[in-house]
Protein backbone atom coordinates (compact mmCIF):
# COMPACT_ATOMS: atom_id res chain seq x y z
CA MET A 1 18.51 14.14 40.21
CA ALA A 2 16.08 13.24 37.43
CA GLY A 3 17.21 11.27 34.42
CA CYS A 4 16.86 12.12 30.75
CA LEU A 5 14.68 10.86 27.92
CA TYR A 6 16.50 10.47 24.60
CA ILE A 7 14.45 10.42 21.39
CA VAL A 8 16.55 8.14 19.21
CA ALA A 9 15.85 7.84 15.48
CA THR A 10 16.37 4.35 14.08
CA PRO A 11 16.77 3.11 10.47
CA ILE A 12 13.63 2.95 8.34
CA GLY A 13 14.93 -0.09 6.51
CA ASN A 14 18.67 -0.22 5.98
CA LEU A 15 20.44 -0.95 9.28
CA GLY A 16 23.54 0.76 7.92
CA ASP A 17 21.78 4.11 8.37
CA ILE A 18 22.16 4.05 12.15
CA SER A 19 24.47 6.85 13.26
CA LYS A 20 27.34 6.43 15.71
CA ARG A 21 25.70 8.90 18.08
CA CYS A 22 22.44 6.92 18.02
CA ALA A 23 24.32 3.70 18.72
CA ASP A 24 26.36 5.32 21.50
CA THR A 25 23.19 6.64 23.12
CA LEU A 26 21.50 3.25 23.04
CA GLN A 27 24.62 1.79 24.66
CA ALA A 28 24.76 4.46 27.37
CA VAL A 29 21.17 4.64 28.66
CA ASP A 30 19.83 2.57 31.56
CA PHE A 31 16.90 1.17 29.58
CA ILE A 32 15.13 1.39 26.22
CA ALA A 33 11.43 1.99 25.57
CA ALA A 34 10.52 0.32 22.27
CA GLU A 35 7.40 0.19 20.13
CA ASP A 36 7.89 -3.55 19.60
CA THR A 37 10.70 -5.18 21.55
CA ARG A 38 10.78 -8.10 19.11
CA VAL A 39 11.59 -5.73 16.25
CA SER A 40 14.01 -3.57 18.24
CA VAL A 41 16.05 -6.51 19.51
CA LYS A 42 17.16 -7.15 15.91
CA LEU A 43 18.68 -3.66 15.77
CA LEU A 44 20.30 -4.07 19.18
CA ASN A 45 21.76 -7.44 18.16
CA HIS A 46 23.13 -5.80 15.00
CA LEU A 47 24.84 -3.25 17.24
CA SER A 48 25.90 -5.87 19.83
CA ILE A 49 24.00 -3.97 22.52
CA LYS A 50 22.23 -5.64 25.42
CA LYS A 51 19.91 -3.40 27.39
CA PRO A 52 16.73 -3.86 29.44
CA MET A 53 13.71 -3.00 27.30
CA VAL A 54 10.12 -2.02 28.05
CA SER A 55 7.31 -1.79 25.53
CA TYR A 56 5.69 1.56 24.79
CA TYR A 57 3.06 1.73 22.04
CA GLU A 58 -0.39 3.16 21.30
CA HIS A 59 -2.43 0.75 23.42
CA ASN A 60 -0.29 0.82 26.57
CA LYS A 61 1.09 4.37 26.37
CA VAL A 62 -0.77 5.66 29.45
CA GLU A 63 0.25 2.87 31.83
CA SER A 64 3.71 2.37 30.36
CA GLY A 65 4.33 6.12 30.15
CA GLU A 66 3.71 6.54 33.88
CA LYS A 67 6.12 3.71 34.69
CA ILE A 68 8.80 5.19 32.44
CA LEU A 69 8.27 8.59 34.09
CA GLU A 70 8.75 7.06 37.56
CA ARG A 71 12.08 5.61 36.52
CA LEU A 72 13.18 8.89 34.93
CA LEU A 73 12.25 10.81 38.08
CA ALA A 74 14.30 8.29 40.06
CA GLY A 75 17.37 9.24 38.02
CA GLU A 76 17.48 6.60 35.26
CA SER A 77 17.99 7.50 31.61
CA CYS A 78 15.83 6.09 28.81
CA ALA A 79 16.05 5.91 25.03
CA LEU A 80 12.71 5.95 23.21
CA ILE A 81 12.75 4.17 19.84
CA THR A 82 10.15 3.06 17.31
CA ASP A 83 10.23 0.15 14.87
CA ALA A 84 11.54 2.59 12.24
CA GLY A 85 12.23 6.29 12.00
CA THR A 86 11.99 9.19 14.41
CA PRO A 87 9.89 8.68 17.56
CA ALA A 88 7.08 11.12 18.40
CA ILE A 89 6.40 11.97 14.73
CA SER A 90 2.91 10.60 13.94
CA ASP A 91 3.64 8.29 16.85
CA PRO A 92 2.49 7.86 20.49
CA GLY A 93 5.94 8.95 21.59
CA GLU A 94 4.60 12.52 21.43
CA ASP A 95 2.55 11.75 24.56
CA LEU A 96 5.62 10.54 26.45
CA VAL A 97 7.55 13.66 25.46
CA ALA A 98 4.66 15.85 26.64
CA LEU A 99 4.50 13.88 29.93
CA CYS A 100 8.21 14.43 30.51
CA ALA A 101 7.91 18.12 29.63
CA ARG A 102 5.14 18.57 32.21
CA ASN A 103 7.27 16.90 34.87
CA GLY A 104 10.52 18.71 34.22
CA ILE A 105 12.35 15.78 32.63
CA GLU A 106 14.97 16.77 30.09
CA VAL A 107 14.28 15.46 26.59
CA ILE A 108 17.07 15.28 24.02
CA SER A 109 16.60 14.40 20.35
CA ILE A 110 19.22 12.19 18.69
CA PRO A 111 18.45 12.84 15.01
CA GLY A 112 18.51 10.32 12.23
CA CYS A 113 16.18 8.70 9.72
CA CYS A 114 12.75 10.17 9.01
CA ALA A 115 10.65 8.79 6.16
CA LEU A 116 8.78 12.00 5.43
CA ILE A 117 11.96 14.06 4.99
CA SER A 118 13.60 11.33 2.90
CA ALA A 119 10.56 11.20 0.61
CA LEU A 120 10.29 14.98 0.29
CA ALA A 121 13.94 15.20 -0.72
CA VAL A 122 13.52 12.80 -3.67
CA SER A 123 10.00 13.85 -4.68
CA GLY A 124 10.99 16.41 -7.30
CA LEU A 125 8.35 18.75 -5.86
CA ARG A 126 8.81 22.04 -4.01
CA THR A 127 10.52 21.54 -0.64
CA GLY A 128 10.70 25.07 0.77
CA ARG A 129 7.32 24.87 2.50
CA PHE A 130 5.45 21.67 3.29
CA THR A 131 2.85 20.19 5.62
CA PHE A 132 2.95 16.69 7.11
CA GLU A 133 -0.51 15.13 7.38
CA GLY A 134 0.40 11.66 8.69
CA PHE A 135 -2.01 8.77 8.09
CA LEU A 136 -5.48 9.42 6.71
CA SER A 137 -8.46 7.87 8.47
CA THR A 138 -9.75 4.45 7.43
CA SER A 139 -13.24 6.01 7.42
CA LYS A 140 -14.07 7.25 3.92
CA LYS A 141 -16.13 10.14 5.29
CA SER A 142 -13.34 11.30 7.63
CA ARG A 143 -10.70 10.80 4.94
CA GLU A 144 -12.65 12.91 2.45
CA ALA A 145 -13.22 15.64 5.05
CA HIS A 146 -9.49 15.71 5.83
CA LEU A 147 -8.57 15.98 2.16
CA ASP A 148 -11.26 18.58 1.50
CA SER A 149 -9.76 20.79 4.22
CA LEU A 150 -6.51 20.74 2.21
CA LYS A 151 -8.04 21.53 -1.17
CA SER A 152 -6.55 25.03 -1.27
CA GLU A 153 -3.32 24.16 0.57
CA GLN A 154 -0.44 25.66 -1.42
CA ARG A 155 2.36 23.90 0.46
CA THR A 156 3.63 20.48 -0.62
CA MET A 157 1.70 17.83 1.35
CA ILE A 158 3.10 14.60 2.77
CA PHE A 159 1.09 11.56 3.84
CA TYR A 160 1.92 8.07 5.12
CA GLU A 161 -0.13 5.22 3.67
CA ALA A 162 -0.39 1.44 3.99
CA PRO A 163 -0.60 -0.68 0.82
CA HIS A 164 -4.09 -2.06 1.49
CA LYS A 165 -5.51 1.50 1.68
CA LEU A 166 -3.55 3.04 -1.18
CA ARG A 167 -6.07 2.61 -4.01
CA ALA A 168 -8.94 4.17 -2.04
CA THR A 169 -6.72 7.01 -0.87
CA LEU A 170 -5.49 7.82 -4.39
CA ALA A 171 -9.05 7.78 -5.73
CA ASP A 172 -10.20 10.20 -3.03
CA MET A 173 -7.17 12.46 -3.59
CA ALA A 174 -7.84 12.62 -7.32
CA ALA A 175 -11.49 13.46 -6.67
CA VAL A 176 -10.63 16.28 -4.25
CA PHE A 177 -7.39 17.71 -5.68
CA GLY A 178 -7.97 16.94 -9.35
CA GLY A 179 -6.38 14.29 -11.51
CA GLU A 180 -3.68 16.59 -12.89
CA ARG A 181 -2.13 17.32 -9.48
CA ARG A 182 1.40 15.87 -9.33
CA ILE A 183 2.36 13.21 -6.80
CA ALA A 184 5.50 11.29 -5.87
CA LEU A 185 4.84 7.82 -4.48
CA CYS A 186 7.85 6.74 -2.43
CA ARG A 187 7.75 3.05 -1.59
CA GLU A 188 9.94 0.98 0.74
CA LEU A 189 12.43 3.79 1.34
CA THR A 190 16.02 2.57 2.01
CA LYS A 191 14.93 -1.06 1.57
CA LEU A 192 15.81 -3.55 -1.17
CA HIS A 193 12.82 -2.71 -3.36
CA GLU A 194 12.90 1.07 -2.87
CA GLU A 195 11.03 2.91 -5.60
CA THR A 196 9.85 6.45 -6.30
CA LEU A 197 7.18 7.00 -8.93
CA ARG A 198 6.46 10.54 -10.11
CA MET A 199 3.20 11.11 -11.97
CA THR A 200 -0.19 12.81 -11.79
CA LEU A 201 -2.89 11.58 -9.43
CA LYS A 202 -4.91 10.26 -12.38
CA GLU A 203 -1.91 8.34 -13.63
CA ALA A 204 -1.33 6.95 -10.14
CA VAL A 205 -4.95 5.77 -9.89
CA ASP A 206 -4.67 4.06 -13.29
CA TYR A 207 -1.27 2.55 -12.48
CA TYR A 208 -2.39 0.93 -9.24
CA ALA A 209 -5.62 -0.29 -10.80
CA GLN A 210 -3.31 -2.71 -12.64
CA ALA A 211 -0.43 -3.14 -10.16
CA ALA A 212 -0.89 -4.46 -6.62
CA PRO A 213 0.44 -1.96 -4.03
CA LYS A 214 3.28 -3.49 -2.00
CA GLY A 215 5.22 -2.06 0.91
CA GLU A 216 4.80 1.08 2.98
CA PHE A 217 4.24 4.35 1.10
CA VAL A 218 5.04 8.00 1.62
CA LEU A 219 2.90 10.17 -0.66
CA VAL A 220 4.22 13.61 -1.55
CA ILE A 221 1.64 15.79 -3.30
CA GLU A 222 2.01 19.09 -5.09
CA GLY A 223 0.30 22.02 -3.40
CA ALA A 224 -2.50 23.99 -5.02
CA LYS A 225 -1.55 26.75 -7.42
CA PRO A 226 -1.95 30.28 -5.99
CA PRO A 227 -5.11 32.01 -7.18
CA GLU A 228 -4.54 34.16 -10.23
CA LYS A 229 -4.29 37.88 -9.60
CA VAL A 230 -7.33 39.83 -10.74
CA LYS A 231 -6.38 42.16 -13.59
CA VAL A 232 -7.88 45.54 -12.75
CA SER A 233 -7.02 49.17 -13.26
CA LEU A 234 -5.60 51.34 -10.50
CA GLU A 235 -8.96 53.14 -10.25
CA GLU A 236 -10.75 49.80 -9.76
CA ALA A 237 -8.18 48.82 -7.13
CA LEU A 238 -8.92 52.03 -5.22
CA VAL A 239 -12.63 51.22 -5.34
CA ARG A 240 -11.82 47.82 -3.85
CA ILE A 241 -9.79 49.46 -1.07
CA ASN A 242 -12.74 51.69 -0.22
CA GLU A 243 -15.02 48.62 -0.13
CA LEU A 244 -12.67 46.88 2.30
CA ARG A 245 -12.43 49.97 4.48
CA GLY A 246 -16.21 50.11 4.49
CA GLU A 247 -16.17 46.60 5.93
CA GLY A 248 -14.13 47.87 8.86
CA MET A 249 -10.55 47.29 7.68
CA SER A 250 -7.80 49.79 8.39
CA LEU A 251 -6.20 51.47 5.38
CA LYS A 252 -3.04 49.42 5.87
CA ASP A 253 -4.91 46.10 5.95
CA ALA A 254 -7.16 47.06 3.05
CA VAL A 255 -4.14 47.96 0.93
CA LYS A 256 -2.42 44.70 1.82
CA LYS A 257 -5.47 42.59 0.90
CA CYS A 258 -6.06 44.51 -2.31
CA ALA A 259 -2.40 44.04 -3.29
CA GLU A 260 -2.75 40.29 -2.76
CA GLU A 261 -5.88 40.21 -4.91
CA THR A 262 -4.69 42.41 -7.77
CA GLY A 263 -0.91 42.14 -7.94
CA PHE A 264 -0.35 45.86 -7.45
CA GLN A 265 2.53 46.88 -5.21
CA LYS A 266 1.39 47.84 -1.71
CA ASN A 267 3.34 51.10 -1.78
CA GLU A 268 1.74 52.12 -5.09
CA LEU A 269 -1.75 51.44 -3.74
CA TYR A 270 -1.05 53.19 -0.45
CA GLN A 271 0.22 56.34 -2.14
CA ALA A 272 -2.75 56.34 -4.54
CA ALA A 273 -5.20 55.86 -1.67
CA LEU A 274 -3.69 58.89 0.08
CA GLY A 275 -4.05 60.89 -3.12
CA LYS A 276 -0.33 61.39 -3.57
């Protein structure tokens, strides 16, 4: 019978954040696949756990993933952990999970710390809908293209960023999104020097022109404002519906689009379009 892969979230700074279930899982599995065994052994020592470990990271994920799969197929159980946070989120662990899924290996998530959720919760920005964008490219051209694709994104956006890239990233964000867009810069979450700064992008650019960025950052950025509804009369709205129908839209779809553009209620437009 095949074994099981456990996705075990580990602390993102404070070792006290490890849950009992995470610790129990690490104690119970046959072996642990770690991003950096030298980092992970500190956590295991803290928990007084001794387990065989194998390395699994970006540059060995193909070879190491196949070896882990062989052991899982042979009936062993494995816990996948990263240096910090939830494996498989902006992390090569996603490839191991996909490999297991293709081969019928059960994958169980043991939830815990996740930097993006922690940052979103303290950002002071809207949390109902958000998009996680991970790390931006080191290439200025690719970074700008990525940001430009999000220019009209209305959901709150979350990015990870390293300190040595922060100034360039903030400058590009201000250029694309506008300096007045709000941002929360969450630094060193759960660690000794944890800090959350809430300001506009322009203020963030100016702030870090004077202060040296230190520590790992999670950037939480306000989404774009919805486009303003066009103020038109009901007669003008009906003209717009006819234009949309002339483009091939059904009455239902034309009414829906016109309602989004003008702010009229769909039912009101539909009844008017039917002449009722």
